[in-house]
Amino acid sequence: MRIAAGRKAGPATDPLELAEGKRLYVAAEHRRSTLFEAVLLLGDSASIEAGRQWAQATWNVYLYVSKKAVPTTTTFNDLYKTAGMAREAFYAASRKSLEIRSIESSSWPSAESNKPRF
């Protein structure tokens, strides 16, 4: 989202220059990949697949906002929403696998939202 903001395709909350955003994304992706090993080891097939879909959806957002052409707000918002839905699906699959009673979560914030989620 911060890369998109720096490229004028997302909300102007704490925008990042593309080069800095790429550096931070690579570090975050490395951390995600390392942590996902626990899901691969202990998770059921539904949780693993949902986790992979979430990773792919976030990768799609990153690829879109980091390409040479200037991204559009509409396409960014669609990709961001898809990534949010994939996140929710991963959590739902994981809770089901762990036999944790499902909780009502707040909806994924829209890309237009400048309000922090706490």
Protein backbone atom coordinates (compact mmCIF):
# COMPACT_ATOMS: atom_id res chain seq x y z
CA MET A 1 0.00 0.00 0.00
CA ARG A 2 2.86 2.38 0.80
CA ILE A 3 4.46 1.76 -2.60
CA ALA A 4 1.11 2.42 -4.27
CA ALA A 5 0.80 5.66 -2.30
CA GLY A 6 4.25 6.69 -3.49
CA ARG A 7 3.12 6.06 -7.08
CA LYS A 8 -0.20 7.92 -6.60
CA ALA A 9 -2.32 4.77 -6.93
CA GLY A 10 -3.18 4.34 -3.26
CA PRO A 11 -4.00 6.53 -0.29
CA ALA A 12 -1.27 9.01 0.57
CA THR A 13 -0.58 7.46 3.97
CA ASP A 14 3.17 7.23 4.57
CA PRO A 15 4.16 6.83 0.90
CA LEU A 16 7.37 5.04 -0.10
CA GLU A 17 9.64 5.58 -3.04
CA LEU A 18 9.70 2.51 -5.29
CA ALA A 19 13.33 1.58 -4.54
CA GLU A 20 12.76 1.65 -0.77
CA GLY A 21 9.48 -0.22 -1.16
CA LYS A 22 11.21 -2.95 -3.16
CA ARG A 23 13.88 -3.32 -0.48
CA LEU A 24 11.29 -3.61 2.27
CA TYR A 25 9.13 -6.01 0.24
CA VAL A 26 12.05 -8.36 -0.36
CA ALA A 27 12.80 -8.41 3.38
CA ALA A 28 9.13 -8.99 4.24
CA GLU A 29 8.79 -11.74 1.65
CA HIS A 30 11.87 -13.49 3.04
CA ARG A 31 10.34 -13.35 6.54
CA ARG A 32 6.96 -14.59 5.25
CA SER A 33 8.61 -17.47 3.43
CA THR A 34 10.57 -18.48 6.51
CA LEU A 35 7.54 -18.33 8.79
CA PHE A 36 5.39 -20.22 6.28
CA GLU A 37 7.62 -23.25 6.77
CA ALA A 38 5.74 -23.90 10.04
CA VAL A 39 2.45 -23.94 8.12
CA LEU A 40 3.93 -26.35 5.59
CA LEU A 41 5.08 -28.61 8.41
CA LEU A 42 2.05 -28.48 10.68
CA GLY A 43 -0.86 -27.18 8.60
CA ASP A 44 -3.51 -29.16 6.83
CA SER A 45 -3.85 -29.03 3.06
CA ALA A 46 -6.60 -26.39 3.15
CA SER A 47 -4.50 -24.05 5.29
CA ILE A 48 -1.45 -24.57 3.11
CA GLU A 49 -3.39 -23.89 -0.08
CA ALA A 50 -5.05 -20.81 1.41
CA GLY A 51 -1.66 -19.54 2.58
CA ARG A 52 -0.23 -20.00 -0.90
CA GLN A 53 -3.17 -18.15 -2.41
CA TRP A 54 -2.67 -15.28 0.03
CA ALA A 55 1.06 -15.13 -0.81
CA GLN A 56 0.22 -15.10 -4.53
CA ALA A 57 -2.37 -12.36 -4.07
CA THR A 58 0.07 -10.13 -2.18
CA TRP A 59 2.73 -10.88 -4.81
CA ASN A 60 0.25 -9.73 -7.48
CA VAL A 61 -0.27 -6.45 -5.63
CA TYR A 62 3.48 -5.91 -5.37
CA LEU A 63 4.10 -6.77 -9.03
CA TYR A 64 1.38 -4.38 -10.11
CA VAL A 65 2.56 -1.40 -8.09
CA SER A 66 6.23 -1.97 -8.85
CA LYS A 67 6.02 -2.27 -12.64
CA LYS A 68 7.32 0.52 -14.86
CA ALA A 69 3.91 1.78 -15.95
CA VAL A 70 2.10 3.94 -13.42
CA PRO A 71 -0.55 1.81 -11.68
CA THR A 72 -4.21 2.84 -11.64
CA THR A 73 -6.12 3.26 -8.42
CA THR A 74 -8.98 1.02 -9.58
CA THR A 75 -6.80 -1.95 -10.42
CA PHE A 76 -4.74 -1.48 -7.27
CA ASN A 77 -7.91 -1.43 -5.15
CA ASP A 78 -9.18 -4.63 -6.80
CA LEU A 79 -5.87 -6.44 -6.22
CA TYR A 80 -5.66 -5.16 -2.65
CA LYS A 81 -9.20 -6.36 -1.93
CA THR A 82 -8.39 -9.79 -3.40
CA ALA A 83 -5.32 -10.03 -1.15
CA GLY A 84 -7.44 -9.12 1.86
CA MET A 85 -10.01 -11.78 1.04
CA ALA A 86 -7.21 -14.33 0.61
CA ARG A 87 -5.88 -13.35 4.03
CA GLU A 88 -9.28 -13.91 5.60
CA ALA A 89 -9.58 -17.29 3.83
CA PHE A 90 -6.18 -18.34 5.21
CA TYR A 91 -7.20 -17.41 8.75
CA ALA A 92 -10.55 -19.20 8.38
CA ALA A 93 -8.86 -22.36 7.08
CA SER A 94 -6.27 -22.23 9.85
CA ARG A 95 -8.87 -21.73 12.59
CA LYS A 96 -10.90 -24.63 11.21
CA SER A 97 -7.82 -26.87 11.07
CA LEU A 98 -6.92 -25.98 14.64
CA GLU A 99 -10.55 -26.41 15.73
CA ILE A 100 -10.67 -22.85 16.98
CA ARG A 101 -14.14 -21.40 17.10
CA SER A 102 -14.47 -18.84 14.34
CA ILE A 103 -14.68 -15.24 15.40
CA GLU A 104 -16.31 -12.39 13.58
CA SER A 105 -13.51 -10.32 12.18
CA SER A 106 -13.81 -6.81 10.96
CA SER A 107 -13.83 -6.55 7.22
CA TRP A 108 -10.53 -5.95 5.48
CA PRO A 109 -10.07 -2.19 5.18
CA SER A 110 -10.44 -0.71 1.77
CA ALA A 111 -7.38 0.74 0.10
CA GLU A 112 -9.02 4.14 0.45
CA SER A 113 -9.12 3.83 4.23
CA ASN A 114 -6.55 5.91 6.05
CA LYS A 115 -7.58 4.55 9.43
CA PRO A 116 -5.18 2.14 11.12
CA ARG A 117 -6.52 -1.30 12.09
CA PHE A 118 -6.04 -1.66 15.82
